[in-house]
N, C-alpha and C. Protein backbone atom coordinates (compact mmCIF):
# COMPACT_ATOMS: atom_id res chain seq x y z
N MET A 1 -199.50 16.85 159.31
CA MET A 1 -200.24 15.78 158.89
C MET A 1 -200.67 14.91 160.11
N ALA A 2 -199.75 14.67 160.98
CA ALA A 2 -200.02 13.85 162.15
C ALA A 2 -201.17 14.56 163.01
N PHE A 3 -201.19 15.77 163.08
CA PHE A 3 -202.27 16.47 163.80
C PHE A 3 -203.63 16.21 163.06
N LEU A 4 -203.78 16.26 161.77
CA LEU A 4 -205.03 15.92 161.04
C LEU A 4 -205.29 14.47 161.34
N THR A 5 -204.37 13.63 161.26
CA THR A 5 -204.70 12.19 161.48
C THR A 5 -205.31 11.99 162.75
N GLY A 6 -204.67 12.74 163.90
CA GLY A 6 -205.20 12.62 165.23
C GLY A 6 -206.70 13.09 165.34
N ILE A 7 -206.95 14.19 164.67
CA ILE A 7 -208.29 14.83 164.68
C ILE A 7 -209.37 13.74 164.00
N PHE A 8 -208.97 13.27 162.86
CA PHE A 8 -209.78 12.36 162.13
C PHE A 8 -210.04 11.17 163.09
N ALA A 9 -208.89 10.58 163.51
CA ALA A 9 -208.99 9.34 164.44
C ALA A 9 -210.05 9.46 165.50
N SER A 10 -209.91 10.77 166.13
CA SER A 10 -210.68 11.02 167.32
C SER A 10 -212.26 11.06 166.93
N MET A 11 -212.52 11.28 165.55
CA MET A 11 -213.87 11.31 165.19
C MET A 11 -214.29 9.91 164.54
N GLY A 12 -213.42 8.90 164.69
CA GLY A 12 -213.75 7.58 164.23
C GLY A 12 -213.23 7.25 162.92
N LEU A 13 -212.54 8.10 162.32
CA LEU A 13 -212.08 7.84 160.87
C LEU A 13 -210.59 7.53 161.02
N GLY A 14 -210.18 6.51 160.46
CA GLY A 14 -208.84 5.98 160.60
C GLY A 14 -207.84 6.68 159.85
N GLY A 15 -206.54 6.48 160.17
CA GLY A 15 -205.30 7.12 159.47
C GLY A 15 -205.27 6.84 158.05
N GLY A 16 -205.86 5.64 157.63
CA GLY A 16 -205.72 5.16 156.29
C GLY A 16 -206.57 6.07 155.43
N MET A 17 -207.61 6.63 155.87
CA MET A 17 -208.50 7.46 155.09
C MET A 17 -207.62 8.81 154.90
N VAL A 18 -207.06 9.21 155.94
CA VAL A 18 -206.21 10.53 155.81
C VAL A 18 -205.05 10.27 154.84
N LEU A 19 -204.35 9.01 155.00
CA LEU A 19 -203.30 8.75 154.01
C LEU A 19 -203.81 8.79 152.55
N ILE A 20 -204.94 8.24 152.17
CA ILE A 20 -205.45 8.15 150.98
C ILE A 20 -205.73 9.66 150.45
N VAL A 21 -206.38 10.37 151.23
CA VAL A 21 -206.66 11.85 150.90
C VAL A 21 -205.32 12.61 150.58
N TYR A 22 -204.35 12.40 151.48
CA TYR A 22 -203.16 13.08 151.41
C TYR A 22 -202.34 12.68 150.05
N LEU A 23 -202.27 11.40 149.79
CA LEU A 23 -201.66 10.79 148.68
C LEU A 23 -202.34 11.33 147.20
N THR A 24 -203.70 11.39 147.29
CA THR A 24 -204.30 11.76 146.05
C THR A 24 -204.37 13.32 145.82
N VAL A 25 -204.65 14.04 146.86
CA VAL A 25 -204.79 15.48 146.81
C VAL A 25 -203.50 16.33 146.79
N PHE A 26 -202.51 15.82 147.71
CA PHE A 26 -201.38 16.60 147.86
C PHE A 26 -200.11 16.10 147.14
N ALA A 27 -199.98 14.66 147.07
CA ALA A 27 -198.87 13.99 146.57
C ALA A 27 -199.11 13.66 145.00
N GLY A 28 -200.27 13.74 144.44
CA GLY A 28 -200.43 13.61 143.10
C GLY A 28 -200.52 12.06 142.64
N PHE A 29 -200.83 11.11 143.59
CA PHE A 29 -200.95 9.82 143.17
C PHE A 29 -202.44 9.56 142.76
N SER A 30 -202.59 8.53 141.97
CA SER A 30 -203.93 8.15 141.42
C SER A 30 -204.56 7.63 142.58
N GLN A 31 -205.88 7.52 142.58
CA GLN A 31 -206.77 6.95 143.52
C GLN A 31 -206.33 5.42 143.74
N ILE A 32 -206.20 4.66 142.74
CA ILE A 32 -205.87 3.20 142.72
C ILE A 32 -204.56 3.00 143.36
N ALA A 33 -203.53 3.88 143.21
CA ALA A 33 -202.17 3.78 143.64
C ALA A 33 -202.25 4.08 145.09
N ALA A 34 -202.90 5.16 145.50
CA ALA A 34 -203.12 5.53 146.96
C ALA A 34 -203.75 4.52 147.66
N GLN A 35 -204.81 3.80 147.12
CA GLN A 35 -205.52 2.69 147.94
C GLN A 35 -204.57 1.48 148.06
N GLY A 36 -203.82 1.13 147.05
CA GLY A 36 -202.79 0.06 147.16
C GLY A 36 -201.76 0.37 148.17
N ILE A 37 -201.20 1.65 148.23
CA ILE A 37 -200.26 2.01 149.17
C ILE A 37 -200.85 1.90 150.57
N ASN A 38 -202.03 2.39 150.64
CA ASN A 38 -202.76 2.23 152.12
C ASN A 38 -202.84 0.82 152.53
N LEU A 39 -203.18 -0.19 151.57
CA LEU A 39 -203.20 -1.57 152.01
C LEU A 39 -201.89 -2.22 152.40
N VAL A 40 -200.84 -1.69 151.71
CA VAL A 40 -199.45 -2.17 152.04
C VAL A 40 -199.04 -1.54 153.47
N PHE A 41 -199.40 -0.47 153.80
CA PHE A 41 -199.07 0.06 155.12
C PHE A 41 -199.99 -0.54 156.17
N PHE A 42 -201.16 -0.99 155.78
CA PHE A 42 -201.98 -1.65 156.77
C PHE A 42 -201.52 -3.04 157.33
N ILE A 43 -200.88 -3.77 156.32
CA ILE A 43 -200.39 -5.27 156.71
C ILE A 43 -199.50 -5.25 157.89
N PRO A 44 -198.42 -4.62 157.99
CA PRO A 44 -197.64 -4.87 159.20
C PRO A 44 -198.49 -4.30 160.40
N ILE A 45 -199.22 -3.36 160.37
CA ILE A 45 -199.99 -2.82 161.65
C ILE A 45 -201.00 -3.85 161.93
N ALA A 46 -201.60 -4.47 161.02
CA ALA A 46 -202.60 -5.52 161.27
C ALA A 46 -201.86 -6.62 161.92
N ILE A 47 -200.72 -7.08 161.56
CA ILE A 47 -200.04 -8.17 162.15
C ILE A 47 -199.59 -7.92 163.50
N ILE A 48 -199.12 -6.78 163.72
CA ILE A 48 -198.76 -6.45 165.11
C ILE A 48 -199.87 -6.35 165.98
N SER A 49 -200.99 -5.87 165.54
CA SER A 49 -202.19 -5.62 166.34
C SER A 49 -202.69 -7.22 166.68
N LEU A 50 -202.69 -8.12 165.69
CA LEU A 50 -203.20 -9.35 165.91
C LEU A 50 -202.25 -10.08 166.91
N VAL A 51 -200.99 -9.80 166.83
CA VAL A 51 -200.11 -10.49 167.89
C VAL A 51 -200.38 -9.99 169.31
N LEU A 52 -200.52 -8.65 169.37
CA LEU A 52 -200.81 -8.01 170.66
C LEU A 52 -202.18 -8.42 171.31
N HIS A 53 -203.22 -8.52 170.45
CA HIS A 53 -204.51 -8.76 170.88
C HIS A 53 -204.60 -10.34 171.22
N THR A 54 -203.85 -11.12 170.54
CA THR A 54 -203.81 -12.46 170.85
C THR A 54 -203.07 -12.84 172.19
N LYS A 55 -201.98 -12.05 172.41
CA LYS A 55 -201.29 -12.17 173.65
C LYS A 55 -202.19 -11.70 174.85
N ASN A 56 -203.06 -10.69 174.58
CA ASN A 56 -203.95 -10.24 175.62
C ASN A 56 -205.32 -11.08 175.67
N LYS A 57 -205.42 -12.07 175.00
CA LYS A 57 -206.52 -13.00 174.83
C LYS A 57 -207.82 -12.19 174.42
N LEU A 58 -207.69 -11.33 173.45
CA LEU A 58 -208.84 -10.57 172.96
C LEU A 58 -209.29 -11.07 171.54
N VAL A 59 -208.67 -12.11 171.07
CA VAL A 59 -209.05 -12.58 169.77
C VAL A 59 -210.04 -13.77 169.87
N GLU A 60 -211.11 -13.77 169.36
CA GLU A 60 -212.05 -14.93 169.23
C GLU A 60 -211.83 -15.71 167.91
N TRP A 61 -210.99 -16.56 167.84
CA TRP A 61 -210.53 -17.29 166.65
C TRP A 61 -211.58 -17.90 165.82
N LYS A 62 -212.65 -18.42 166.55
CA LYS A 62 -213.71 -19.00 165.78
C LYS A 62 -214.38 -17.80 164.88
N LYS A 63 -214.35 -16.70 165.29
CA LYS A 63 -215.02 -15.61 164.53
C LYS A 63 -213.88 -15.01 163.70
N ALA A 64 -212.73 -14.95 164.04
CA ALA A 64 -211.62 -14.36 163.22
C ALA A 64 -211.30 -15.00 162.07
N VAL A 65 -211.17 -16.28 162.00
CA VAL A 65 -210.74 -17.09 160.78
C VAL A 65 -211.75 -16.81 159.63
N PRO A 66 -213.06 -16.96 159.99
CA PRO A 66 -214.01 -16.75 158.83
C PRO A 66 -214.00 -15.27 158.25
N ALA A 67 -213.69 -14.31 159.27
CA ALA A 67 -213.59 -13.03 158.77
C ALA A 67 -212.31 -12.75 158.12
N VAL A 68 -211.21 -13.33 158.29
CA VAL A 68 -210.00 -13.29 157.51
C VAL A 68 -210.19 -13.74 156.12
N LEU A 69 -210.92 -14.98 156.10
CA LEU A 69 -211.04 -15.75 154.85
C LEU A 69 -211.92 -14.85 153.89
N TRP A 70 -213.05 -14.44 154.39
CA TRP A 70 -213.94 -13.64 153.62
C TRP A 70 -213.54 -12.23 153.24
N GLY A 71 -212.69 -11.64 154.24
CA GLY A 71 -212.08 -10.43 153.94
C GLY A 71 -211.04 -10.42 152.76
N THR A 72 -210.30 -11.51 152.83
CA THR A 72 -209.28 -11.74 151.83
C THR A 72 -209.94 -11.93 150.41
N ALA A 73 -211.00 -12.58 150.44
CA ALA A 73 -211.76 -12.82 149.16
C ALA A 73 -212.40 -11.48 148.59
N ALA A 74 -212.79 -10.59 149.59
CA ALA A 74 -213.30 -9.42 149.25
C ALA A 74 -212.27 -8.37 148.73
N VAL A 75 -211.14 -8.52 149.41
CA VAL A 75 -210.08 -7.61 148.82
C VAL A 75 -209.58 -7.94 147.54
N ILE A 76 -209.54 -9.27 147.16
CA ILE A 76 -209.16 -9.72 145.92
C ILE A 76 -210.21 -9.24 144.73
N ILE A 77 -211.45 -9.50 145.11
CA ILE A 77 -212.44 -9.11 144.19
C ILE A 77 -212.53 -7.48 144.09
N SER A 78 -212.49 -6.86 145.21
CA SER A 78 -212.47 -5.36 145.06
C SER A 78 -211.29 -4.78 144.32
N ALA A 79 -210.07 -5.39 144.44
CA ALA A 79 -208.89 -4.93 143.64
C ALA A 79 -209.23 -5.04 142.24
N TRP A 80 -209.66 -6.23 141.96
CA TRP A 80 -210.04 -6.53 140.49
C TRP A 80 -210.93 -5.59 139.89
N LEU A 81 -212.01 -5.22 140.77
CA LEU A 81 -212.99 -4.22 140.27
C LEU A 81 -212.34 -2.77 140.06
N ALA A 82 -211.54 -2.54 141.17
CA ALA A 82 -210.92 -1.19 141.14
C ALA A 82 -209.97 -0.97 139.90
N ASN A 83 -209.43 -2.00 139.38
CA ASN A 83 -208.55 -1.79 138.22
C ASN A 83 -209.40 -1.81 136.88
N ARG A 84 -210.68 -2.01 137.05
CA ARG A 84 -211.42 -1.94 135.84
C ARG A 84 -212.57 -0.69 135.70
N ILE A 85 -212.42 -0.05 136.86
CA ILE A 85 -213.33 1.22 137.10
C ILE A 85 -212.53 2.40 136.68
N GLU A 86 -213.22 3.32 136.03
CA GLU A 86 -212.53 4.69 135.62
C GLU A 86 -211.97 5.37 136.78
N GLN A 87 -210.82 6.00 136.79
CA GLN A 87 -210.24 6.74 137.91
C GLN A 87 -211.21 7.81 138.38
N SER A 88 -211.76 8.48 137.73
CA SER A 88 -212.62 9.58 138.17
C SER A 88 -213.85 8.97 138.87
N LEU A 89 -214.44 7.89 138.47
CA LEU A 89 -215.60 7.25 139.10
C LEU A 89 -215.09 6.61 140.57
N LEU A 90 -213.87 6.15 140.68
CA LEU A 90 -213.32 5.63 141.79
C LEU A 90 -213.14 6.66 142.85
N SER A 91 -212.69 7.89 142.37
CA SER A 91 -212.36 8.97 143.22
C SER A 91 -213.80 9.59 143.76
N LYS A 92 -214.65 9.46 142.97
CA LYS A 92 -216.09 10.12 143.32
C LYS A 92 -216.61 9.15 144.43
N ALA A 93 -216.49 7.86 144.14
CA ALA A 93 -217.20 6.85 145.03
C ALA A 93 -216.49 7.00 146.36
N PHE A 94 -215.13 7.12 146.36
CA PHE A 94 -214.47 7.36 147.63
C PHE A 94 -214.89 8.62 148.35
N GLY A 95 -215.02 9.62 147.61
CA GLY A 95 -215.57 10.78 148.22
C GLY A 95 -216.84 10.72 148.82
N ILE A 96 -217.72 10.15 148.10
CA ILE A 96 -219.13 9.78 148.66
C ILE A 96 -219.17 9.03 149.86
N PHE A 97 -218.29 7.94 149.95
CA PHE A 97 -218.07 7.10 151.07
C PHE A 97 -217.55 7.94 152.25
N LEU A 98 -216.70 8.92 152.00
CA LEU A 98 -216.24 9.76 153.22
C LEU A 98 -217.35 10.66 153.74
N ILE A 99 -218.11 11.25 152.82
CA ILE A 99 -219.15 12.04 153.19
C ILE A 99 -220.22 11.39 154.08
N LEU A 100 -220.57 10.06 153.50
CA LEU A 100 -221.60 9.25 154.24
C LEU A 100 -221.00 8.83 155.66
N MET A 101 -219.78 8.45 155.79
CA MET A 101 -219.11 8.17 156.93
C MET A 101 -219.15 9.26 157.95
N GLY A 102 -218.88 10.44 157.36
CA GLY A 102 -218.92 11.66 158.17
C GLY A 102 -220.17 12.00 158.81
N LEU A 103 -221.37 11.87 157.91
CA LEU A 103 -222.63 11.95 158.34
C LEU A 103 -223.06 11.07 159.44
N LYS A 104 -222.80 9.84 159.27
CA LYS A 104 -222.99 8.75 160.17
C LYS A 104 -222.36 9.20 161.61
N GLU A 105 -221.20 9.63 161.63
CA GLU A 105 -220.45 10.00 162.71
C GLU A 105 -221.07 11.19 163.54
N LEU A 106 -221.60 12.16 162.71
CA LEU A 106 -222.21 13.36 163.15
C LEU A 106 -223.68 13.11 163.76
N PHE A 107 -224.34 12.35 163.11
CA PHE A 107 -225.87 12.18 163.39
C PHE A 107 -226.25 10.91 164.10
N PHE A 108 -225.39 9.87 164.18
CA PHE A 108 -225.78 8.55 164.79
C PHE A 108 -224.79 8.24 165.70
N LYS A 109 -225.34 8.18 166.97
CA LYS A 109 -224.43 7.93 168.18
C LYS A 109 -224.27 6.40 168.24
N SER A 110 -223.27 5.86 168.48
CA SER A 110 -223.14 4.38 168.69
C SER A 110 -222.83 4.20 170.09
N GLU A 111 -223.37 2.98 170.55
CA GLU A 111 -223.01 2.66 171.97
C GLU A 111 -221.49 2.26 172.07
N LYS A 112 -220.93 2.64 173.16
CA LYS A 112 -219.56 2.18 173.28
C LYS A 112 -219.54 0.54 173.62
N HIS A 113 -218.63 -0.04 173.01
CA HIS A 113 -218.40 -1.33 173.08
C HIS A 113 -217.61 -1.65 174.38
N LYS A 114 -218.12 -2.63 175.12
CA LYS A 114 -217.47 -2.99 176.33
C LYS A 114 -216.69 -4.27 176.16
N PHE A 115 -215.44 -4.21 176.38
CA PHE A 115 -214.62 -5.35 176.18
C PHE A 115 -214.42 -6.13 177.57
N LYS A 116 -214.67 -7.35 177.56
CA LYS A 116 -214.40 -8.12 178.71
C LYS A 116 -213.08 -8.96 178.52
N ARG A 117 -212.38 -8.99 179.61
CA ARG A 117 -211.17 -9.95 179.70
C ARG A 117 -211.57 -11.44 179.87
N VAL A 118 -210.95 -12.19 179.09
CA VAL A 118 -211.15 -13.61 179.31
C VAL A 118 -210.36 -14.24 180.34
């Protein structure tokens, strides 16, 4: 599983995507449960990343605070919607999302972001 995660991460797809696919396809979890587990796994990683990036002066707090507030609102609304959408539709929507992201990665090159030290 770690090997597949490494392959997908090198293509720009995160480990969370791999975790959701693993939980739904191989471990038998529902789509909504897999997405919830993925969010729970994300929280400690996000906190550690925030601490490390803050320590290295890579966080622009004027941009980060609104992003966190709007992101939190989006998560609450999305979780509410996900609980009201039929399981098969949620799984199909996630599959379409993965296909679109894969096509984007294959056919559209993005410029490398250059980070500057403050």
